[in-house]
Protein backbone atom coordinates (compact mmCIF):
# COMPACT_ATOMS: atom_id res chain seq x y z
CA MET A 1 0.32 -0.34 0.25
CA GLY A 2 1.36 2.88 -0.63
CA ALA A 3 1.88 5.63 2.18
CA SER A 4 1.49 8.70 -0.32
CA ILE A 5 -1.90 7.60 -2.11
CA SER A 6 -3.75 5.80 1.05
CA LEU A 7 -5.58 6.91 4.77
CA PHE A 8 -7.02 4.73 7.08
CA GLN A 9 -10.47 5.13 8.27
CA CYS A 10 -10.45 5.52 11.86
CA PRO A 11 -11.29 2.57 13.40
CA PHE A 12 -12.77 3.38 16.33
CA LYS A 13 -16.38 4.91 16.40
CA GLY A 14 -17.36 8.37 16.32
CA ARG A 15 -14.20 9.33 15.80
CA ALA A 16 -13.73 8.49 11.98
CA GLY A 17 -11.74 11.31 10.44
CA LYS A 18 -11.09 13.22 13.00
CA VAL A 19 -7.67 13.94 14.56
CA VAL A 20 -8.76 13.74 17.76
CA GLY A 21 -9.10 10.29 17.52
CA TYR A 22 -5.66 9.90 17.32
CA SER A 23 -5.26 11.91 20.58
CA TYR A 24 -7.17 9.41 22.65
CA VAL A 25 -5.11 6.38 21.42
CA SER A 26 -1.54 4.79 20.32
CA LEU A 27 -0.92 5.40 16.96
CA SER A 28 0.54 1.81 16.88
CA HIS A 29 -3.04 0.47 17.56
CA ILE A 30 -4.82 2.55 15.07
CA ARG A 31 -2.03 1.45 12.54
CA LEU A 32 -2.66 -2.31 13.37
CA GLN A 33 -6.95 -1.72 13.15
CA GLY A 34 -6.38 -0.49 9.85
CA LEU A 35 -4.05 -3.77 8.72
CA THR A 36 -5.86 -6.24 10.83
CA THR A 37 -9.86 -5.78 10.70
CA GLY A 38 -10.38 -4.85 7.38
CA THR A 39 -11.00 -1.55 7.96
CA LYS A 40 -12.48 0.62 5.08
CA ARG A 41 -9.56 2.41 3.13
CA PHE A 42 -9.89 5.42 0.29
CA ASP A 43 -7.89 6.53 -1.86
CA VAL A 44 -6.67 10.63 -1.06
CA LYS A 45 -6.65 11.41 -4.43
CA ARG A 46 -10.21 10.95 -4.85
CA ARG A 47 -12.14 11.13 -1.79
CA LEU A 48 -10.55 13.45 0.22
CA MET A 49 -11.67 17.31 -1.01
CA HIS A 50 -15.19 16.11 -1.56
CA GLY A 51 -17.24 17.60 0.90
CA LEU A 52 -14.95 18.93 3.52
CA THR A 53 -14.97 22.64 4.99
CA LYS A 54 -11.15 23.97 5.27
CA ASN A 55 -11.13 23.30 8.59
CA ALA A 56 -12.01 19.51 8.09
CA LEU A 57 -9.74 19.51 5.68
CA ILE A 58 -6.71 20.25 7.23
CA SER A 59 -7.68 18.52 10.21
CA GLN A 60 -8.02 15.16 7.59
CA LEU A 61 -4.22 16.18 6.28
CA LEU A 62 -3.43 15.90 9.49
CA LEU A 63 -4.48 12.94 10.17
CA PHE A 64 -3.11 11.02 7.15
CA LEU A 65 0.32 12.41 8.04
CA VAL A 66 0.04 11.17 11.49
CA LEU A 67 -0.76 7.66 10.53
CA VAL A 68 1.43 7.80 7.35
CA CYS A 69 4.36 8.78 8.81
CA GLN A 70 4.18 7.80 12.66
CA PRO A 71 7.90 7.67 13.10
CA ASP A 72 7.95 11.58 12.32
CA SER A 73 4.16 12.68 13.50
CA GLU A 74 5.76 13.64 17.05
CA GLN A 75 7.93 16.43 14.85
CA ILE A 76 5.44 17.16 12.14
CA LEU A 77 3.01 18.28 14.98
CA SER A 78 5.66 20.43 16.44
CA LEU A 79 6.75 22.00 13.35
CA LEU A 80 2.85 22.90 12.65
CA ARG A 81 2.70 24.45 16.29
CA CYS A 82 0.79 21.42 17.60
CA PRO A 83 0.52 20.38 20.77
CA VAL A 84 2.07 16.60 20.47
CA PRO A 85 -0.32 14.03 22.60
CA CYS A 86 1.17 11.36 24.23
CA TRP A 87 0.36 7.54 23.84
CA TYR A 88 -2.26 7.17 26.22
CA MET A 89 -5.75 5.97 25.27
CA LYS A 90 -8.82 7.76 27.15
CA HIS A 91 -11.25 5.21 28.41
CA ARG A 92 -14.80 6.00 30.12
CA ALA A 93 -15.73 2.89 32.22
CA SER A 94 -19.96 2.81 32.78
CA THR A 95 -19.11 0.94 36.30
CA LEU A 96 -16.91 4.13 37.38
CA ASP A 97 -19.55 6.63 36.78
CA GLY A 98 -21.31 6.22 39.86
CA LEU A 99 -18.41 6.59 42.25
CA GLY A 100 -16.97 9.28 40.99
CA VAL A 101 -13.46 8.00 40.75
CA GLY A 102 -10.81 7.86 38.72
CA TYR A 103 -8.66 4.75 37.50
CA MET A 104 -5.36 3.15 37.57
CA LEU A 105 -3.28 1.14 35.48
CA PHE A 106 -1.28 -1.42 37.69
CA ASP A 107 1.79 -3.49 35.88
CA TYR A 108 3.71 -6.85 37.72
CA VAL A 109 7.52 -6.69 37.53
CA GLU A 110 8.20 -9.49 37.10
CA ASP A 111 12.08 -8.95 36.11
CA GLY A 112 14.39 -7.42 39.54
CA LYS A 113 14.06 -7.47 43.17
CA MET A 114 13.62 -4.68 45.22
CA LEU A 115 17.17 -3.22 46.02
CA SER A 116 15.89 -2.18 49.42
CA VAL A 117 15.98 -6.17 50.09
CA SER A 118 20.14 -6.59 49.34
CA TYR A 119 21.27 -2.72 49.97
CA ALA A 120 22.23 -2.99 53.52
CA GLU A 121 23.87 -6.25 53.31
CA ARG A 122 25.35 -6.11 50.12
CA CYS A 123 26.33 -1.86 49.87
CA HIS A 124 29.56 -2.36 50.58
CA ASP A 125 30.50 -4.61 46.78
CA THR A 126 32.09 -1.66 44.81
CA THR A 127 31.13 -3.04 41.79
CA LEU A 128 27.24 -3.17 42.55
CA ARG A 129 27.45 0.07 43.40
CA ARG A 130 29.13 1.22 40.49
CA ASN A 131 26.57 -0.90 38.84
CA LEU A 132 23.46 1.02 40.56
CA PHE A 133 25.25 4.68 40.46
CA SER A 134 26.20 4.27 36.63
CA ASP A 135 22.66 3.33 36.08
CA LEU A 136 21.07 6.42 38.35
CA ALA A 137 23.41 8.96 36.44
CA ARG A 138 22.12 7.62 32.98
CA ILE A 139 18.55 8.45 34.37
CA GLN A 140 19.34 11.94 35.63
CA LEU A 141 21.50 12.78 32.50
CA ILE A 142 18.32 11.80 30.31
CA PHE A 143 16.17 14.05 32.33
CA SER A 144 18.96 17.24 32.23
CA ARG A 145 19.22 16.78 28.40
CA LYS A 146 15.20 18.16 28.09
CA PRO A 147 14.78 21.39 29.75
CA LEU A 148 11.70 21.90 30.72
CA PRO A 149 9.68 25.82 31.00
CA ARG A 150 8.79 25.85 34.23
CA ILE A 151 8.63 24.07 37.25
CA GLY A 152 5.39 22.13 38.31
CA SER A 153 4.32 18.55 37.80
CA LEU A 154 2.85 16.93 34.46
CA THR A 155 -0.77 16.78 33.26
CA ILE A 156 -3.03 15.15 30.83
CA ASP A 157 -5.43 16.82 29.53
CA ASP A 158 -8.38 15.60 27.76
CA ASP A 159 -6.76 15.46 24.25
CA GLY A 160 -4.18 13.54 25.61
CA VAL A 161 -1.63 16.51 25.94
CA LEU A 162 0.96 16.55 28.05
CA ASP A 163 1.78 19.73 30.24
CA ILE A 164 2.67 21.45 33.19
CA LYS A 165 0.12 22.68 34.70
CA ASN A 166 -0.29 21.42 38.25
CA ARG A 167 1.50 22.38 41.32
CA PRO A 168 5.25 20.33 41.67
CA LEU A 169 3.34 17.68 43.50
CA THR A 170 5.71 15.38 46.24
CA LEU A 171 4.60 12.62 49.10
CA GLU A 172 5.25 15.04 51.62
CA ILE A 173 2.35 17.30 50.24
CA CYS A 174 -0.24 14.28 49.92
CA HIS A 175 0.60 13.53 53.64
CA LEU A 176 -0.01 17.05 55.06
CA GLU A 177 -3.30 17.39 52.95
CA ASN A 178 -4.18 13.88 54.05
CA GLU A 179 -3.88 15.09 57.87
CA ASN A 180 -6.14 17.97 56.60
CA ILE A 181 -3.18 20.58 57.00
CA PRO A 182 -3.65 23.47 54.57
CA ILE A 183 -1.47 23.91 51.79
CA ASP A 184 -1.24 27.29 50.67
CA ILE A 185 -0.18 26.73 46.92
CA GLN A 186 -3.44 26.08 44.57
CA ARG A 187 -3.29 22.92 42.43
CA LYS A 188 -2.48 25.04 39.03
CA THR A 189 0.60 27.07 40.31
CA THR A 190 3.67 26.79 38.42
CA TYR A 191 6.83 28.35 39.16
CA SER A 192 9.06 30.13 36.59
CA THR A 193 11.62 31.31 39.54
CA VAL A 194 13.56 28.69 41.78
CA ASP A 195 13.15 31.77 44.64
CA THR A 196 9.57 31.67 44.54
CA CYS A 197 9.19 27.76 44.57
CA ILE A 198 11.37 28.04 47.58
CA HIS A 199 9.32 30.22 48.99
CA ASP A 200 6.22 28.29 48.84
CA LEU A 201 8.29 25.01 49.79
CA LEU A 202 9.14 26.39 53.16
CA SER A 203 5.32 27.65 53.40
CA ILE A 204 4.76 23.69 53.83
CA HIS A 205 6.88 23.56 56.68
CA ASP A 206 5.07 26.46 57.93
CA SER A 207 2.37 25.39 57.84
CA ARG A 208 2.56 22.10 59.45
CA LEU A 209 4.65 23.41 62.27
CA ARG A 210 0.81 26.03 62.63
CA TYR A 211 -1.32 22.90 61.91
CA GLN A 212 -0.73 20.08 62.61
CA PRO A 213 -1.35 19.58 66.50
CA THR A 214 1.91 17.82 67.55
CA GLY A 215 3.64 19.99 65.37
CA ALA A 216 5.95 21.30 68.43
CA SER A 217 6.64 19.29 71.34
CA SER A 218 7.80 21.65 73.51
CA MET A 219 7.89 25.71 73.79
CA LYS A 220 11.82 25.45 73.80
CA ASP A 221 11.38 22.94 70.28
CA CYS A 222 8.46 25.17 68.96
CA ILE A 223 10.87 28.17 69.46
CA SER A 224 13.79 25.95 67.66
CA GLN A 225 11.92 25.60 64.49
CA MET A 226 10.43 28.97 64.30
CA CYS A 227 14.38 29.99 64.24
CA ALA A 228 14.80 27.37 61.64
CA LEU A 229 12.54 28.22 59.53
CA THR A 230 13.28 32.08 59.23
CA THR A 231 16.66 31.57 59.05
CA MET A 232 16.41 29.26 56.07
CA ARG A 233 14.36 32.06 54.43
CA THR A 234 17.15 34.57 54.97
CA VAL A 235 19.90 32.04 53.70
CA TYR A 236 18.59 30.90 51.31
CA SER A 237 20.47 33.41 48.28
CA ASP A 238 23.80 31.88 49.29
CA PHE A 239 23.39 28.04 48.36
CA PHE A 240 21.43 29.00 45.07
CA ASP A 241 22.45 30.47 42.18
CA ARG A 242 20.52 33.78 40.68
CA LYS A 243 21.98 32.85 36.88
CA LEU A 244 20.23 29.72 36.86
CA ARG A 245 16.94 31.66 38.75
CA SER A 246 14.63 30.78 35.47
CA GLY A 247 16.06 27.39 34.84
CA PRO A 248 17.10 25.20 33.21
CA PHE A 249 14.06 23.05 34.93
CA VAL A 250 14.15 19.35 34.63
CA LEU A 251 11.94 16.73 35.91
CA THR A 252 13.23 15.40 38.70
CA LEU A 253 12.14 11.85 40.65
CA THR A 254 11.75 13.15 44.31
CA ASP A 255 10.54 9.38 46.00
CA LEU A 256 13.49 7.39 44.55
CA HIS A 257 13.73 5.42 47.73
CA ALA A 258 15.26 2.07 47.69
CA SER A 259 12.00 0.15 47.89
CA ASN A 260 11.32 2.35 44.45
CA PHE A 261 13.88 0.09 42.46
CA PHE A 262 14.07 -2.87 40.72
CA VAL A 263 17.87 -4.67 40.20
CA ASP A 264 18.59 -7.68 38.79
CA ASP A 265 21.43 -9.55 40.54
CA ASN A 266 24.74 -7.42 39.76
CA TRP A 267 22.56 -4.32 40.75
CA HIS A 268 21.67 -3.06 37.28
CA ILE A 269 18.50 -0.96 37.19
CA THR A 270 15.32 -3.10 35.26
CA LYS A 271 12.33 -0.83 36.74
CA LEU A 272 11.34 2.31 38.73
CA ILE A 273 8.41 2.30 40.15
CA ASP A 274 6.12 5.18 42.06
CA LEU A 275 6.61 7.82 39.15
CA GLU A 276 3.23 9.99 40.41
CA TRP A 277 5.82 11.97 42.36
CA ALA A 278 8.07 13.25 39.27
CA CYS A 279 7.49 16.62 39.02
CA VAL A 280 10.01 19.18 37.33
CA ARG A 281 12.19 21.00 39.75
CA PRO A 282 15.40 23.51 39.31
CA ILE A 283 18.40 21.70 37.94
CA GLU A 284 19.98 22.75 41.41
CA MET A 285 17.90 20.65 43.32
CA GLN A 286 19.37 17.04 41.78
CA HIS A 287 21.29 15.06 43.95
CA PRO A 288 22.25 11.81 44.79
CA PRO A 289 19.94 9.85 46.95
CA TYR A 290 20.32 10.37 51.02
CA TRP A 291 20.07 6.55 51.66
CA LEU A 292 23.54 5.68 50.11
CA THR A 293 24.90 5.39 53.76
CA SER A 294 21.46 3.21 54.53
CA GLN A 295 20.54 6.08 57.73
CA ALA A 296 17.79 8.11 57.65
CA VAL A 297 17.99 11.72 55.80
CA ASP A 298 17.97 13.89 59.35
CA ARG A 299 20.70 11.10 60.99
CA ILE A 300 23.51 11.32 58.00
CA ASP A 301 26.67 10.85 59.36
CA GLU A 302 28.50 13.36 56.95
CA THR A 303 31.75 11.84 56.67
CA GLN A 304 30.30 8.70 55.74
CA TYR A 305 28.09 9.98 53.19
CA SER A 306 31.02 12.72 51.63
CA GLU A 307 32.76 9.17 50.55
CA MET A 308 29.85 7.62 49.10
CA CYS A 309 28.82 11.06 47.38
CA THR A 310 32.37 11.58 45.73
CA GLU A 311 32.36 7.71 44.56
CA PHE A 312 28.48 8.75 43.07
CA ILE A 313 30.09 11.43 41.24
CA ASP A 314 33.02 10.06 40.06
CA ASP A 315 31.47 7.38 38.13
CA PHE A 316 28.46 9.86 37.02
CA GLU A 317 31.58 11.87 35.11
CA GLN A 318 32.42 8.58 33.40
CA VAL A 319 29.11 7.77 32.64
CA GLU A 320 28.32 11.45 31.17
CA LYS A 321 31.49 11.44 28.86
CA THR A 322 30.63 7.89 27.69
CA MET A 323 26.94 9.09 26.75
CA LEU A 324 27.97 12.67 25.75
CA GLY A 325 31.53 12.79 24.62
CA GLY A 326 34.67 14.19 26.30
CA ASP A 327 34.93 17.83 24.99
CA GLU A 328 33.22 20.24 27.37
CA ARG A 329 30.63 21.30 24.77
CA SER A 330 28.95 18.57 23.91
CA MET A 331 28.53 17.38 28.18
CA ALA A 332 27.44 21.18 28.94
CA ILE A 333 24.03 20.54 30.29
CA VAL A 334 21.16 22.59 28.12
CA GLY A 335 21.38 26.12 28.38
CA CYS A 336 24.27 26.52 31.18
CA ASP A 337 28.45 26.47 30.43
CA PHE A 338 29.15 23.65 32.84
CA SER A 339 28.39 20.11 32.72
CA TYR A 340 25.99 17.79 35.20
CA THR A 341 29.10 16.49 37.26
CA GLU A 342 30.59 20.11 37.59
CA LEU A 343 26.93 21.49 38.92
CA LEU A 344 27.08 17.89 41.25
CA LYS A 345 30.66 18.90 42.68
CA ARG A 346 29.10 22.37 43.07
CA LEU A 347 25.86 21.69 44.93
CA TRP A 348 27.82 19.21 47.02
CA GLU A 349 30.64 22.33 48.35
CA LYS A 350 27.90 24.53 49.00
CA GLY A 351 26.25 22.42 51.13
CA ILE A 352 22.95 22.79 48.49
CA PHE A 353 23.15 19.16 48.78
CA TRP A 354 21.88 19.71 52.35
CA TYR A 355 19.54 22.59 51.94
CA CYS A 356 17.50 20.53 49.48
CA PHE A 357 17.28 17.89 51.81
CA ALA A 358 16.33 19.61 54.27
CA LEU A 359 13.35 21.46 52.27
CA ASP A 360 12.20 17.99 51.15
CA SER A 361 12.33 16.33 54.55
CA LEU A 362 8.80 17.51 56.85
CA ALA A 363 10.44 15.73 59.92
CA GLY A 364 13.92 16.06 59.36
CA LEU A 365 14.59 19.57 57.89
CA HIS A 366 15.27 20.98 61.88
CA HIS A 367 17.96 18.20 62.07
CA ILE A 368 19.66 19.43 59.04
CA PHE A 369 19.75 23.15 59.90
CA TYR A 370 21.16 23.03 63.22
CA HIS A 371 23.81 20.36 62.06
CA ARG A 372 24.47 20.74 58.13
CA ILE A 373 23.42 24.52 57.57
CA ARG A 374 23.91 27.07 60.57
CA PRO A 375 27.82 25.51 61.07
CA ARG A 376 28.70 27.45 58.26
CA TYR A 377 28.21 30.52 59.29
CA GLN A 378 30.91 31.82 61.65
CA ILE A 379 29.64 33.41 64.97
CA PRO A 380 31.42 36.23 65.85
CA TYR A 381 32.26 34.94 69.13
CA SER A 382 34.83 32.95 70.84
CA GLN A 383 33.42 29.90 72.26
CA SER A 384 32.92 31.05 75.60
CA GLN A 385 30.68 34.05 74.52
CA GLU A 386 29.03 31.23 72.23
CA PHE A 387 26.33 30.53 74.79
CA GLN A 388 25.27 34.36 74.93
CA PHE A 389 25.53 34.24 70.97
CA GLY A 390 23.03 31.33 70.92
CA THR A 391 20.24 32.81 73.54
CA GLY A 392 20.34 36.03 71.77
CA PHE A 393 19.27 34.20 68.71
CA TYR A 394 16.19 31.72 69.94
CA ILE A 395 15.10 35.27 71.60
CA THR A 396 15.15 37.31 68.56
CA THR A 397 15.04 34.82 65.47
CA PRO A 398 11.30 33.80 65.80
CA THR A 399 9.87 37.01 66.61
CA PHE A 400 10.13 37.42 62.92
CA TRP A 401 8.73 33.84 61.80
CA CYS A 402 5.46 35.74 62.67
CA PRO A 403 3.93 38.27 64.44
CA LYS A 404 2.95 37.35 68.05
CA ALA A 405 5.40 34.65 67.82
CA TRP A 406 5.27 34.32 71.34
CA ASP A 407 1.80 33.64 71.59
CA PHE A 408 1.97 31.13 69.08
CA ALA A 409 4.97 28.85 71.20
CA LYS A 410 2.60 29.01 73.78
CA SER A 411 -0.75 27.86 72.29
CA LYS A 412 1.45 24.96 70.04
CA VAL A 413 2.34 23.72 73.84
CA LYS A 414 -1.36 23.82 74.93
CA ASP A 415 -2.16 21.86 71.59
CA GLU A 416 0.39 19.32 72.11
CA GLU A 417 -0.94 18.96 75.83
CA LYS A 418 -4.65 18.54 74.23
CA TYR A 419 -3.69 15.80 71.84
CA ASP A 420 -1.71 13.85 74.80
CA GLU A 421 -5.39 14.16 76.42
CA GLN A 422 -7.12 12.99 73.40
CA LEU A 423 -4.97 10.05 72.54
CA ARG A 424 -5.16 8.93 76.28
CA ASP A 425 -9.42 9.33 75.70
CA ALA A 426 -9.07 7.46 72.77
CA PHE A 427 -7.15 4.12 74.19
CA GLN A 428 -9.23 3.87 77.22
CA PHE A 429 -11.00 1.01 77.84
CA ASP A 430 -13.73 0.21 80.64
CA SER A 431 -10.97 -2.77 82.55
CA SER A 432 -14.65 -3.77 85.25
């Protein structure tokens, strides 16, 4: 069949001759239907012009180009400045209409086992680590070569078109909202600059402290957290480069703990799961996984992690040279004059890793701030006078977290007491 003169009639009822028909279904499925079910074919020269308006003619031509030039369909639509649909099919099941819920696709992973099953026991094997780090590097490099215009989460509209039209949704946001803690980030919020994103990420920690009944265990704990959050806002510009304020932004897998990797016996990655938490983030928020030393993010031994991080960056550099070539121009991140390896080294040296780890950890920000971020700033007193400086810090700093800060700290103590009382009541039983 000559591709230049033939066109398949769309095999799906109600979508014949419409470009949107392709938007809902896999292109390969359309072609398969046309070839195997005897779907009617017609000659373009004889039928295409008959009875069609100008807009309908354009739609027919687009569908023709998509079907007969399938490998190049994305490029064709891009050149025509048309949205490029993804490869998923829209399906509305009548059995779900009354439930008011959506649906999810599930798959069974047959090749590989969760990395967490073997990591603690075998993480001392340098060959296995090299395989794992190399595969992680390839994944991050693939994402970095496709910078995206905004910070946010990907959505799929009713025409199957992928776009960034949702807030950068992470597991932490979901956890807080499930606890009925308000998050002051609207669903359709996206960001064009790094600083606005960081401001809103810190506001998530504010909401946890403000609205979670157990947000602070005591007056001292509350004041300490208020100091940390206030100072995190003050010092963020010391960590993030203003030249990268407007990008690049890249797709980031934000929930890559060891149970979300499936690896083979040689620790080559076979599958990744829980991709629903992937979102577009600043290039400076890319970093190795926190769990490389099998420690919680707020209990990481910096010396051990530094050794593991150096090894990760070295392996990353080898993969980068292999994938992109050895010259500086080909290795440079799109829109930048430095390579991904150089970026990782800079992020580690400046302590941006720790700042990002703090942002991403609701429970860990407090510890990371006091043990990894605050020590980077010089205290203008001798060791004998340091206590006086610390006292002043805890008295002055929290007053800038919110108006009437001390009244708020007192209220958090009452919240904790009320929660403890409710908890005791919930577990009381009549022993008689």
